[in-house]
Every structure is written in C-alpha cells, then in structure tokens.
PDB file of N, CA and C in Angstrom:
ATOM      1  N   MET A   1     -22.572   6.902  33.192  1.00  0.00           N
ATOM      2  CA  MET A   1     -21.704   7.196  34.323  1.00  0.00           C
ATOM      3  C   MET A   1     -20.453   7.888  33.803  1.00  0.00           C
ATOM      4  N   ASP A   2     -20.078   8.941  34.451  1.00  0.00           N
ATOM      5  CA  ASP A   2     -18.902   9.688  34.057  1.00  0.00           C
ATOM      6  C   ASP A   2     -17.652   8.855  34.345  1.00  0.00           C
ATOM      7  N   ALA A   3     -16.754   8.762  33.358  1.00  0.00           N
ATOM      8  CA  ALA A   3     -15.538   7.972  33.518  1.00  0.00           C
ATOM      9  C   ALA A   3     -14.658   8.542  34.622  1.00  0.00           C
ATOM     10  N   LEU A   4     -14.670   9.861  34.777  1.00  0.00           N
ATOM     11  CA  LEU A   4     -13.858  10.497  35.813  1.00  0.00           C
ATOM     12  C   LEU A   4     -14.347  10.114  37.201  1.00  0.00           C
ATOM     13  N   ALA A   5     -15.650   9.952  37.365  1.00  0.00           N
ATOM     14  CA  ALA A   5     -16.197   9.591  38.665  1.00  0.00           C
ATOM     15  C   ALA A   5     -15.772   8.190  39.077  1.00  0.00           C
ATOM     16  N   ALA A   6     -15.464   7.333  38.102  1.00  0.00           N
ATOM     17  CA  ALA A   6     -15.056   5.968  38.414  1.00  0.00           C
ATOM     18  C   ALA A   6     -13.604   5.881  38.872  1.00  0.00           C
ATOM     19  N   LEU A   7     -12.814   6.931  38.636  1.00  0.00           N
ATOM     20  CA  LEU A   7     -11.403   6.922  39.031  1.00  0.00           C
ATOM     21  C   LEU A   7     -11.263   7.160  40.529  1.00  0.00           C
ATOM     22  N   PRO A   8     -10.205   6.615  41.133  1.00  0.00           N
ATOM     23  CA  PRO A   8      -9.934   6.935  42.534  1.00  0.00           C
ATOM     24  C   PRO A   8      -9.645   8.433  42.669  1.00  0.00           C
ATOM     25  N   THR A   9      -9.853   8.964  43.859  1.00  0.00           N
ATOM     26  CA  THR A   9      -9.708  10.405  44.049  1.00  0.00           C
ATOM     27  C   THR A   9      -8.299  10.903  43.768  1.00  0.00           C
ATOM     28  N   TYR A  10      -7.279  10.096  44.004  1.00  0.00           N
ATOM     29  CA  TYR A  10      -5.916  10.546  43.748  1.00  0.00           C
ATOM     30  C   TYR A  10      -5.619  10.669  42.262  1.00  0.00           C
ATOM     31  N   MET A  11      -6.468  10.118  41.402  1.00  0.00           N
ATOM     32  CA  MET A  11      -6.235  10.187  39.968  1.00  0.00           C
ATOM     33  C   MET A  11      -7.054  11.301  39.309  1.00  0.00           C
ATOM     34  N   HIS A  12      -7.818  12.046  40.064  1.00  0.00           N
ATOM     35  CA  HIS A  12      -8.627  13.114  39.488  1.00  0.00           C
ATOM     36  C   HIS A  12      -7.738  14.232  38.968  1.00  0.00           C
ATOM     37  N   LEU A  13      -8.242  14.922  38.008  1.00  0.00           N
ATOM     38  CA  LEU A  13      -7.520  16.057  37.435  1.00  0.00           C
ATOM     39  C   LEU A  13      -7.657  17.269  38.337  1.00  0.00           C
ATOM     40  N   SER A  14      -6.724  18.201  38.193  1.00  0.00           N
ATOM     41  CA  SER A  14      -6.860  19.455  38.914  1.00  0.00           C
ATOM     42  C   SER A  14      -8.047  20.197  38.324  1.00  0.00           C
ATOM     43  N   PRO A  15      -8.598  21.169  39.041  1.00  0.00           N
ATOM     44  CA  PRO A  15      -9.749  21.905  38.497  1.00  0.00           C
ATOM     45  C   PRO A  15      -9.445  22.568  37.153  1.00  0.00           C
ATOM     46  N   ALA A  16      -8.232  23.102  36.992  1.00  0.00           N
ATOM     47  CA  ALA A  16      -7.881  23.745  35.722  1.00  0.00           C
ATOM     48  C   ALA A  16      -7.810  22.719  34.598  1.00  0.00           C
ATOM     49  N   GLN A  17      -7.235  21.551  34.890  1.00  0.00           N
ATOM     50  CA  GLN A  17      -7.151  20.501  33.875  1.00  0.00           C
ATOM     51  C   GLN A  17      -8.531  19.982  33.517  1.00  0.00           C
ATOM     52  N   ALA A  18      -9.386  19.805  34.518  1.00  0.00           N
ATOM     53  CA  ALA A  18     -10.739  19.316  34.257  1.00  0.00           C
ATOM     54  C   ALA A  18     -11.527  20.311  33.428  1.00  0.00           C
ATOM     55  N   GLU A  19     -11.367  21.596  33.730  1.00  0.00           N
ATOM     56  CA  GLU A  19     -12.064  22.625  32.960  1.00  0.00           C
ATOM     57  C   GLU A  19     -11.557  22.667  31.521  1.00  0.00           C
ATOM     58  N   ALA A  20     -10.247  22.579  31.351  1.00  0.00           N
ATOM     59  CA  ALA A  20      -9.672  22.598  30.008  1.00  0.00           C
ATOM     60  C   ALA A  20     -10.117  21.388  29.204  1.00  0.00           C
ATOM     61  N   ARG A  21     -10.154  20.239  29.834  1.00  0.00           N
ATOM     62  CA  ARG A  21     -10.589  19.028  29.136  1.00  0.00           C
ATOM     63  C   ARG A  21     -12.074  19.117  28.780  1.00  0.00           C
ATOM     64  N   ALA A  22     -12.883  19.647  29.689  1.00  0.00           N
ATOM     65  CA  ALA A  22     -14.310  19.796  29.409  1.00  0.00           C
ATOM     66  C   ALA A  22     -14.538  20.789  28.276  1.00  0.00           C
ATOM     67  N   THR A  23     -13.763  21.882  28.256  1.00  0.00           N
ATOM     68  CA  THR A  23     -13.881  22.863  27.191  1.00  0.00           C
ATOM     69  C   THR A  23     -13.489  22.256  25.850  1.00  0.00           C
ATOM     70  N   ALA A  24     -12.417  21.482  25.854  1.00  0.00           N
ATOM     71  CA  ALA A  24     -11.966  20.837  24.617  1.00  0.00           C
ATOM     72  C   ALA A  24     -12.990  19.831  24.118  1.00  0.00           C
ATOM     73  N   LYS A  25     -13.589  19.069  25.031  1.00  0.00           N
ATOM     74  CA  LYS A  25     -14.597  18.093  24.619  1.00  0.00           C
ATOM     75  C   LYS A  25     -15.856  18.784  24.116  1.00  0.00           C
ATOM     76  N   ALA A  26     -16.235  19.898  24.752  1.00  0.00           N
ATOM     77  CA  ALA A  26     -17.411  20.631  24.291  1.00  0.00           C
ATOM     78  C   ALA A  26     -17.172  21.226  22.906  1.00  0.00           C
ATOM     79  N   ALA A  27     -15.977  21.748  22.682  1.00  0.00           N
ATOM     80  CA  ALA A  27     -15.640  22.299  21.367  1.00  0.00           C
ATOM     81  C   ALA A  27     -15.639  21.212  20.309  1.00  0.00           C
ATOM     82  N   ALA A  28     -15.160  20.042  20.684  1.00  0.00           N
ATOM     83  CA  ALA A  28     -15.140  18.934  19.729  1.00  0.00           C
ATOM     84  C   ALA A  28     -16.554  18.500  19.389  1.00  0.00           C
ATOM     85  N   ALA A  29     -17.421  18.504  20.397  1.00  0.00           N
ATOM     86  CA  ALA A  29     -18.805  18.105  20.160  1.00  0.00           C
ATOM     87  C   ALA A  29     -19.503  19.094  19.230  1.00  0.00           C
ATOM     88  N   GLU A  30     -19.146  20.348  19.338  1.00  0.00           N
ATOM     89  CA  GLU A  30     -19.762  21.367  18.494  1.00  0.00           C
ATOM     90  C   GLU A  30     -19.040  21.515  17.161  1.00  0.00           C
ATOM     91  N   GLY A  31     -17.960  20.816  16.988  1.00  0.00           N
ATOM     92  CA  GLY A  31     -17.222  20.876  15.729  1.00  0.00           C
ATOM     93  C   GLY A  31     -16.429  22.158  15.556  1.00  0.00           C
ATOM     94  N   GLU A  32     -16.019  22.788  16.662  1.00  0.00           N
ATOM     95  CA  GLU A  32     -15.313  24.059  16.595  1.00  0.00           C
ATOM     96  C   GLU A  32     -13.799  23.903  16.493  1.00  0.00           C
ATOM     97  N   ARG A  33     -13.292  22.709  16.592  1.00  0.00           N
ATOM     98  CA  ARG A  33     -11.845  22.511  16.541  1.00  0.00           C
ATOM     99  C   ARG A  33     -11.321  22.760  15.138  1.00  0.00           C
ATOM    100  N   ASP A  34     -10.123  23.309  15.110  1.00  0.00           N
ATOM    101  CA  ASP A  34      -9.417  23.437  13.843  1.00  0.00           C
ATOM    102  C   ASP A  34      -8.965  22.035  13.453  1.00  0.00           C
ATOM    103  N   PRO A  35      -9.472  21.496  12.343  1.00  0.00           N
ATOM    104  CA  PRO A  35      -9.175  20.095  12.022  1.00  0.00           C
ATOM    105  C   PRO A  35      -7.691  19.817  11.788  1.00  0.00           C
ATOM    106  N   ARG A  36      -6.966  20.764  11.196  1.00  0.00           N
ATOM    107  CA  ARG A  36      -5.540  20.527  10.946  1.00  0.00           C
ATOM    108  C   ARG A  36      -4.743  20.512  12.236  1.00  0.00           C
ATOM    109  N   ALA A  37      -5.045  21.430  13.146  1.00  0.00           N
ATOM    110  CA  ALA A  37      -4.333  21.478  14.424  1.00  0.00           C
ATOM    111  C   ALA A  37      -4.676  20.253  15.273  1.00  0.00           C
ATOM    112  N   TRP A  38      -5.937  19.850  15.255  1.00  0.00           N
ATOM    113  CA  TRP A  38      -6.336  18.689  16.038  1.00  0.00           C
ATOM    114  C   TRP A  38      -5.677  17.425  15.500  1.00  0.00           C
ATOM    115  N   GLU A  39      -5.598  17.287  14.182  1.00  0.00           N
ATOM    116  CA  GLU A  39      -4.940  16.134  13.570  1.00  0.00           C
ATOM    117  C   GLU A  39      -3.460  16.092  13.955  1.00  0.00           C
ATOM    118  N   ALA A  40      -2.805  17.239  13.946  1.00  0.00           N
ATOM    119  CA  ALA A  40      -1.392  17.303  14.332  1.00  0.00           C
ATOM    120  C   ALA A  40      -1.212  16.925  15.804  1.00  0.00           C
ATOM    121  N   ALA A  41      -2.123  17.377  16.652  1.00  0.00           N
ATOM    122  CA  ALA A  41      -2.046  17.046  18.072  1.00  0.00           C
ATOM    123  C   ALA A  41      -2.241  15.551  18.292  1.00  0.00           C
ATOM    124  N   GLN A  42      -3.176  14.956  17.561  1.00  0.00           N
ATOM    125  CA  GLN A  42      -3.394  13.516  17.691  1.00  0.00           C
ATOM    126  C   GLN A  42      -2.203  12.718  17.158  1.00  0.00           C
ATOM    127  N   GLN A  43      -1.598  13.186  16.084  1.00  0.00           N
ATOM    128  CA  GLN A  43      -0.422  12.509  15.552  1.00  0.00           C
ATOM    129  C   GLN A  43       0.738  12.582  16.543  1.00  0.00           C
ATOM    130  N   PHE A  44       0.872  13.724  17.204  1.00  0.00           N
ATOM    131  CA  PHE A  44       1.913  13.872  18.220  1.00  0.00           C
ATOM    132  C   PHE A  44       1.682  12.877  19.358  1.00  0.00           C
ATOM    133  N   GLU A  45       0.432  12.790  19.822  1.00  0.00           N
ATOM    134  CA  GLU A  45       0.120  11.859  20.894  1.00  0.00           C
ATOM    135  C   GLU A  45       0.358  10.409  20.451  1.00  0.00           C
ATOM    136  N   ALA A  46      -0.009  10.078  19.210  1.00  0.00           N
ATOM    137  CA  ALA A  46       0.207   8.723  18.700  1.00  0.00           C
ATOM    138  C   ALA A  46       1.690   8.383  18.682  1.00  0.00           C
ATOM    139  N   GLN A  47       2.520   9.332  18.268  1.00  0.00           N
ATOM    140  CA  GLN A  47       3.968   9.096  18.247  1.00  0.00           C
ATOM    141  C   GLN A  47       4.516   8.935  19.659  1.00  0.00           C
ATOM    142  N   PHE A  48       4.017   9.737  20.576  1.00  0.00           N
ATOM    143  CA  PHE A  48       4.441   9.660  21.970  1.00  0.00           C
ATOM    144  C   PHE A  48       4.095   8.302  22.568  1.00  0.00           C
ATOM    145  N   VAL A  49       2.865   7.854  22.357  1.00  0.00           N
ATOM    146  CA  VAL A  49       2.433   6.561  22.891  1.00  0.00           C
ATOM    147  C   VAL A  49       3.224   5.428  22.238  1.00  0.00           C
ATOM    148  N   SER A  50       3.482   5.535  20.939  1.00  0.00           N
ATOM    149  CA  SER A  50       4.269   4.510  20.246  1.00  0.00           C
ATOM    150  C   SER A  50       5.667   4.407  20.834  1.00  0.00           C
ATOM    151  N   THR A  51       6.267   5.539  21.132  1.00  0.00           N
ATOM    152  CA  THR A  51       7.597   5.545  21.735  1.00  0.00           C
ATOM    153  C   THR A  51       7.576   4.879  23.108  1.00  0.00           C
ATOM    154  N   LEU A  52       6.523   5.138  23.879  1.00  0.00           N
ATOM    155  CA  LEU A  52       6.405   4.482  25.184  1.00  0.00           C
ATOM    156  C   LEU A  52       6.240   2.972  25.023  1.00  0.00           C
ATOM    157  N   LEU A  53       5.453   2.565  24.052  1.00  0.00           N
ATOM    158  CA  LEU A  53       5.200   1.138  23.850  1.00  0.00           C
ATOM    159  C   LEU A  53       6.422   0.405  23.288  1.00  0.00           C
ATOM    160  N   GLN A  54       7.262   1.100  22.520  1.00  0.00           N
ATOM    161  CA  GLN A  54       8.458   0.463  21.960  1.00  0.00           C
ATOM    162  C   GLN A  54       9.333  -0.107  23.075  1.00  0.00           C
ATOM    163  N   SER A  55       9.451   0.633  24.178  1.00  0.00           N
ATOM    164  CA  SER A  55      10.302   0.171  25.269  1.00  0.00           C
ATOM    165  C   SER A  55       9.749  -1.096  25.913  1.00  0.00           C
ATOM    166  N   MET A  56       8.459  -1.318  25.778  1.00  0.00           N
ATOM    167  CA  MET A  56       7.846  -2.509  26.348  1.00  0.00           C
ATOM    168  C   MET A  56       8.327  -3.780  25.633  1.00  0.00           C
ATOM    169  N   PHE A  57       8.661  -3.665  24.354  1.00  0.00           N
ATOM    170  CA  PHE A  57       9.060  -4.820  23.564  1.00  0.00           C
ATOM    171  C   PHE A  57      10.577  -4.999  23.468  1.00  0.00           C
ATOM    172  N   LYS A  58      11.361  -4.088  24.029  1.00  0.00           N
ATOM    173  CA  LYS A  58      12.815  -4.165  23.885  1.00  0.00           C
ATOM    174  C   LYS A  58      13.416  -5.402  24.522  1.00  0.00           C
ATOM    175  N   GLY A  59      12.882  -5.877  25.618  1.00  0.00           N
ATOM    176  CA  GLY A  59      13.472  -7.002  26.323  1.00  0.00           C
ATOM    177  C   GLY A  59      13.082  -8.362  25.778  1.00  0.00           C
ATOM    178  N   LEU A  60      12.239  -8.402  24.774  1.00  0.00           N
ATOM    179  CA  LEU A  60      11.795  -9.693  24.245  1.00  0.00           C
ATOM    180  C   LEU A  60      12.837 -10.286  23.312  1.00  0.00           C
ATOM    181  N   ASP A  61      13.109 -11.553  23.509  1.00  0.00           N
ATOM    182  CA  ASP A  61      13.999 -12.284  22.608  1.00  0.00           C
ATOM    183  C   ASP A  61      13.143 -13.213  21.763  1.00  0.00           C
ATOM    184  N   ASP A  62      13.282 -13.131  20.450  1.00  0.00           N
ATOM    185  CA  ASP A  62      12.498 -13.979  19.563  1.00  0.00           C
ATOM    186  C   ASP A  62      12.887 -15.437  19.682  1.00  0.00           C
ATOM    187  N   GLU A  63      14.130 -15.704  20.046  1.00  0.00           N
ATOM    188  CA  GLU A  63      14.600 -17.082  20.121  1.00  0.00           C
ATOM    189  C   GLU A  63      14.006 -17.822  21.318  1.00  0.00           C
ATOM    190  N   ASP A  64      13.691 -17.086  22.392  1.00  0.00           N
ATOM    191  CA  ASP A  64      13.154 -17.720  23.597  1.00  0.00           C
ATOM    192  C   ASP A  64      11.704 -18.145  23.434  1.00  0.00           C
ATOM    193  N   ASN A  65      10.999 -17.545  22.542  1.00  0.00           N
ATOM    194  CA  ASN A  65       9.580 -17.818  22.352  1.00  0.00           C
ATOM    195  C   ASN A  65       9.413 -18.996  21.382  1.00  0.00           C
ATOM    196  N   PRO A  66       8.744 -20.065  21.795  1.00  0.00           N
ATOM    197  CA  PRO A  66       8.599 -21.209  20.896  1.00  0.00           C
ATOM    198  C   PRO A  66       7.766 -20.892  19.655  1.00  0.00           C
ATOM    199  N   PHE A  67       6.933 -19.882  19.734  1.00  0.00           N
ATOM    200  CA  PHE A  67       6.114 -19.513  18.586  1.00  0.00           C
ATOM    201  C   PHE A  67       6.571 -18.193  17.978  1.00  0.00           C
ATOM    202  N   GLY A  68       7.803 -17.816  18.215  1.00  0.00           N
ATOM    203  CA  GLY A  68       8.339 -16.558  17.708  1.00  0.00           C
ATOM    204  C   GLY A  68       8.358 -16.520  16.191  1.00  0.00           C
ATOM    205  N   GLY A  69       8.232 -15.317  15.640  1.00  0.00           N
ATOM    206  CA  GLY A  69       8.157 -15.156  14.197  1.00  0.00           C
ATOM    207  C   GLY A  69       9.493 -14.929  13.540  1.00  0.00           C
ATOM    208  N   GLY A  70      10.582 -14.985  14.286  1.00  0.00           N
ATOM    209  CA  GLY A  70      11.901 -14.812  13.711  1.00  0.00           C
ATOM    210  C   GLY A  70      12.143 -13.401  13.214  1.00  0.00           C
ATOM    211  N   GLN A  71      12.878 -13.285  12.098  1.00  0.00           N
ATOM    212  CA  GLN A  71      13.243 -11.989  11.536  1.00  0.00           C
ATOM    213  C   GLN A  71      12.013 -11.184  11.115  1.00  0.00           C
ATOM    214  N   GLY A  72      11.019 -11.842  10.563  1.00  0.00           N
ATOM    215  CA  GLY A  72       9.820 -11.141  10.110  1.00  0.00           C
ATOM    216  C   GLY A  72       9.109 -10.432  11.248  1.00  0.00           C
ATOM    217  N   GLU A  73       9.028 -11.106  12.385  1.00  0.00           N
ATOM    218  CA  GLU A  73       8.362 -10.505  13.535  1.00  0.00           C
ATOM    219  C   GLU A  73       9.126  -9.287  14.023  1.00  0.00           C
ATOM    220  N   SER A  74      10.435  -9.396  14.124  1.00  0.00           N
ATOM    221  CA  SER A  74      11.207  -8.256  14.618  1.00  0.00           C
ATOM    222  C   SER A  74      11.218  -7.108  13.611  1.00  0.00           C
ATOM    223  N   MET A  75      11.100  -7.409  12.330  1.00  0.00           N
ATOM    224  CA  MET A  75      11.064  -6.340  11.322  1.00  0.00           C
ATOM    225  C   MET A  75       9.752  -5.555  11.382  1.00  0.00           C
ATOM    226  N   PHE A  76       8.652  -6.238  11.604  1.00  0.00           N
ATOM    227  CA  PHE A  76       7.350  -5.587  11.554  1.00  0.00           C
ATOM    228  C   PHE A  76       6.813  -5.180  12.915  1.00  0.00           C
ATOM    229  N   ARG A  77       7.544  -5.488  13.970  1.00  0.00           N
ATOM    230  CA  ARG A  77       7.075  -5.126  15.309  1.00  0.00           C
ATOM    231  C   ARG A  77       6.926  -3.611  15.456  1.00  0.00           C
ATOM    232  N   SER A  78       7.860  -2.845  14.918  1.00  0.00           N
ATOM    233  CA  SER A  78       7.767  -1.387  15.054  1.00  0.00           C
ATOM    234  C   SER A  78       6.536  -0.847  14.335  1.00  0.00           C
ATOM    235  N   LEU A  79       6.181  -1.449  13.197  1.00  0.00           N
ATOM    236  CA  LEU A  79       4.969  -1.028  12.496  1.00  0.00           C
ATOM    237  C   LEU A  79       3.720  -1.340  13.310  1.00  0.00           C
ATOM    238  N   LEU A  80       3.710  -2.498  13.952  1.00  0.00           N
ATOM    239  CA  LEU A  80       2.582  -2.882  14.789  1.00  0.00           C
ATOM    240  C   LEU A  80       2.447  -1.928  15.976  1.00  0.00           C
ATOM    241  N   VAL A  81       3.574  -1.600  16.596  1.00  0.00           N
ATOM    242  CA  VAL A  81       3.541  -0.696  17.748  1.00  0.00           C
ATOM    243  C   VAL A  81       3.088   0.694  17.312  1.00  0.00           C
ATOM    244  N   ASP A  82       3.479   1.148  16.136  1.00  0.00           N
ATOM    245  CA  ASP A  82       2.990   2.428  15.619  1.00  0.00           C
ATOM    246  C   ASP A  82       1.483   2.402  15.450  1.00  0.00           C
ATOM    247  N   GLN A  83       0.947   1.303  14.958  1.00  0.00           N
ATOM    248  CA  GLN A  83      -0.501   1.181  14.803  1.00  0.00           C
ATOM    249  C   GLN A  83      -1.200   1.161  16.162  1.00  0.00           C
ATOM    250  N   TYR A  84      -0.580   0.508  17.156  1.00  0.00           N
ATOM    251  CA  TYR A  84      -1.132   0.540  18.511  1.00  0.00           C
ATOM    252  C   TYR A  84      -1.226   1.989  19.001  1.00  0.00           C
ATOM    253  N   GLY A  85      -0.161   2.747  18.801  1.00  0.00           N
ATOM    254  CA  GLY A  85      -0.147   4.147  19.236  1.00  0.00           C
ATOM    255  C   GLY A  85      -1.200   4.978  18.537  1.00  0.00           C
ATOM    256  N   GLN A  86      -1.363   4.784  17.233  1.00  0.00           N
ATOM    257  CA  GLN A  86      -2.374   5.537  16.490  1.00  0.00           C
ATOM    258  C   GLN A  86      -3.776   5.186  16.960  1.00  0.00           C
ATOM    259  N   GLN A  87      -4.026   3.914  17.180  1.00  0.00           N
ATOM    260  CA  GLN A  87      -5.350   3.497  17.635  1.00  0.00           C
ATOM    261  C   GLN A  87      -5.653   4.024  19.032  1.00  0.00           C
ATOM    262  N   MET A  88      -4.654   3.994  19.897  1.00  0.00           N
ATOM    263  CA  MET A  88      -4.855   4.519  21.250  1.00  0.00           C
ATOM    264  C   MET A  88      -5.133   6.017  21.214  1.00  0.00           C
ATOM    265  N   ALA A  89      -4.435   6.748  20.362  1.00  0.00           N
ATOM    266  CA  ALA A  89      -4.655   8.196  20.261  1.00  0.00           C
ATOM    267  C   ALA A  89      -6.053   8.490  19.717  1.00  0.00           C
ATOM    268  N   ARG A  90      -6.507   7.705  18.734  1.00  0.00           N
ATOM    269  CA  ARG A  90      -7.842   7.914  18.160  1.00  0.00           C
ATOM    270  C   ARG A  90      -8.949   7.614  19.158  1.00  0.00           C
ATOM    271  N   SER A  91      -8.695   6.674  20.060  1.00  0.00           N
ATOM    272  CA  SER A  91      -9.742   6.287  21.006  1.00  0.00           C
ATOM    273  C   SER A  91      -9.636   7.015  22.343  1.00  0.00           C
ATOM    274  N   GLY A  92      -8.973   8.135  22.371  1.00  0.00           N
ATOM    275  CA  GLY A  92      -8.903   8.935  23.587  1.00  0.00           C
ATOM    276  C   GLY A  92      -7.502   9.093  24.119  1.00  0.00           C
ATOM    277  N   GLY A  93      -6.655   8.127  23.884  1.00  0.00           N
ATOM    278  CA  GLY A  93      -5.256   8.225  24.276  1.00  0.00           C
ATOM    279  C   GLY A  93      -5.052   8.466  25.753  1.00  0.00           C
ATOM    280  N   VAL A  94      -4.020   9.209  26.054  1.00  0.00           N
ATOM    281  CA  VAL A  94      -3.671   9.529  27.432  1.00  0.00           C
ATOM    282  C   VAL A  94      -3.992  10.977  27.777  1.00  0.00           C
ATOM    283  N   GLY A  95      -4.666  11.674  26.880  1.00  0.00           N
ATOM    284  CA  GLY A  95      -5.055  13.057  27.129  1.00  0.00           C
ATOM    285  C   GLY A  95      -4.031  14.078  26.695  1.00  0.00           C
ATOM    286  N   LEU A  96      -2.981  13.641  26.061  1.00  0.00           N
ATOM    287  CA  LEU A  96      -1.924  14.553  25.635  1.00  0.00           C
ATOM    288  C   LEU A  96      -2.363  15.418  24.453  1.00  0.00           C
ATOM    289  N   ALA A  97      -3.188  14.872  23.574  1.00  0.00           N
ATOM    290  CA  ALA A  97      -3.613  15.608  22.378  1.00  0.00           C
ATOM    291  C   ALA A  97      -4.381  16.876  22.752  1.00  0.00           C
ATOM    292  N   ASP A  98      -5.204  16.820  23.794  1.00  0.00           N
ATOM    293  CA  ASP A  98      -5.943  18.001  24.224  1.00  0.00           C
ATOM    294  C   ASP A  98      -5.001  19.115  24.651  1.00  0.00           C
ATOM    295  N   ASP A  99      -3.988  18.742  25.441  1.00  0.00           N
ATOM    296  CA  ASP A  99      -3.023  19.737  25.918  1.00  0.00           C
ATOM    297  C   ASP A  99      -2.193  20.312  24.771  1.00  0.00           C
ATOM    298  N   VAL A 100      -1.757  19.447  23.865  1.00  0.00           N
ATOM    299  CA  VAL A 100      -0.958  19.907  22.720  1.00  0.00           C
ATOM    300  C   VAL A 100      -1.794  20.828  21.841  1.00  0.00           C
ATOM    301  N   TYR A 101      -3.039  20.461  21.600  1.00  0.00           N
ATOM    302  CA  TYR A 101      -3.939  21.283  20.785  1.00  0.00           C
ATOM    303  C   TYR A 101      -4.117  22.670  21.409  1.00  0.00           C
ATOM    304  N   ARG A 102      -4.352  22.693  22.714  1.00  0.00           N
ATOM    305  CA  ARG A 102      -4.544  23.968  23.411  1.00  0.00           C
ATOM    306  C   ARG A 102      -3.287  24.835  23.315  1.00  0.00           C
ATOM    307  N   GLU A 103      -2.104  24.232  23.476  1.00  0.00           N
ATOM    308  CA  GLU A 103      -0.857  24.987  23.380  1.00  0.00           C
ATOM    309  C   GLU A 103      -0.614  25.485  21.957  1.00  0.00           C
ATOM    310  N   MET A 104      -0.987  24.680  20.964  1.00  0.00           N
ATOM    311  CA  MET A 104      -0.843  25.119  19.572  1.00  0.00           C
ATOM    312  C   MET A 104      -1.695  26.358  19.311  1.00  0.00           C
ATOM    313  N   LEU A 105      -2.913  26.370  19.837  1.00  0.00           N
ATOM    314  CA  LEU A 105      -3.786  27.529  19.651  1.00  0.00           C
ATOM    315  C   LEU A 105      -3.234  28.753  20.367  1.00  0.00           C
ATOM    316  N   LYS A 106      -2.660  28.546  21.566  1.00  0.00           N
ATOM    317  CA  LYS A 106      -2.057  29.673  22.288  1.00  0.00           C
ATOM    318  C   LYS A 106      -0.904  30.268  21.484  1.00  0.00           C
ATOM    319  N   MET A 107      -0.063  29.386  20.901  1.00  0.00           N
ATOM    320  CA  MET A 107       1.076  29.878  20.129  1.00  0.00           C
ATOM    321  C   MET A 107       0.605  30.627  18.874  1.00  0.00           C
ATOM    322  N   GLN A 108      -0.494  30.178  18.283  1.00  0.00           N
ATOM    323  CA  GLN A 108      -1.035  30.881  17.117  1.00  0.00           C
ATOM    324  C   GLN A 108      -1.542  32.265  17.490  1.00  0.00           C
ATOM    325  N   GLU A 109      -2.188  32.362  18.654  1.00  0.00           N
ATOM    326  CA  GLU A 109      -2.703  33.652  19.094  1.00  0.00           C
ATOM    327  C   GLU A 109      -1.576  34.635  19.368  1.00  0.00           C
ATOM    328  N   VAL A 110      -0.484  34.160  19.947  1.00  0.00           N
ATOM    329  CA  VAL A 110       0.641  35.021  20.270  1.00  0.00           C
ATOM    330  C   VAL A 110       1.328  35.506  18.992  1.00  0.00           C
ATOM    331  N   SER A 111       1.439  34.626  17.994  1.00  0.00           N
ATOM    332  CA  SER A 111       2.160  34.986  16.777  1.00  0.00           C
ATOM    333  C   SER A 111       1.354  35.891  15.855  1.00  0.00           C
ATOM    334  N   GLN A 112       0.071  36.021  16.102  1.00  0.00           N
ATOM    335  CA  GLN A 112      -0.746  36.860  15.196  1.00  0.00           C
ATOM    336  C   GLN A 112      -0.780  38.295  15.618  1.00  0.00           C
TER     337      GLN A 112
END
C-alpha cells in the first residue's frame, strides 16, 4: 500500500512535489544520485530535525524528574538528540533532503 494513499487528502503533496519526490526516489532506486550531494542533503536534514527536537527538551527540568540523570543527562542530551535527527533523516526524515538535493543539483547546473 502506498504510504501517500494512507494520508488524509489535506496532507497530499502538490502535483509538482509528488513528481519531484517520485523522480528522486526513482533515481535513488537506480543508483543515479550523486553520493556526495545526497550525503550532504541528508546531513542538512539531520541537523534541521535535531534543531527542531532540541526545542522539545528545553522545558524539562532534571530536578523535577525522580529518575533524572542529573548533570550527566543534561550534558549528553544534545548528543542523543543529534542521533535522533540522524536516524530520522536516514529513515526518510521529513522529505527535506530530497528538496535540498534537487536544489544543489540546480545550483551546480547554473554554475557550470
């Protein structure tokens, strides 16, 4: 079952976005992506997602939690959130990597 078909109609992509995403997925399946550009796009998306997730943990107080990890937990929380962002980007992310990759290729074409 197509994942897009399971989404409500208000969450569907525009025809241009759907076509671009399908083209990017087809290129990935055929191995036509530039590996360095794709890696950079995924790293960008991972950093973006990590930044979004950091704000989720800002309101937590370690002292209020009976099982809080104290200083160690607050020191390593940013590393954990970075790993969350990287894992989310590797497993499909929010779709930002496809758009960034496409824009990187456009900029390369213009500069050549």
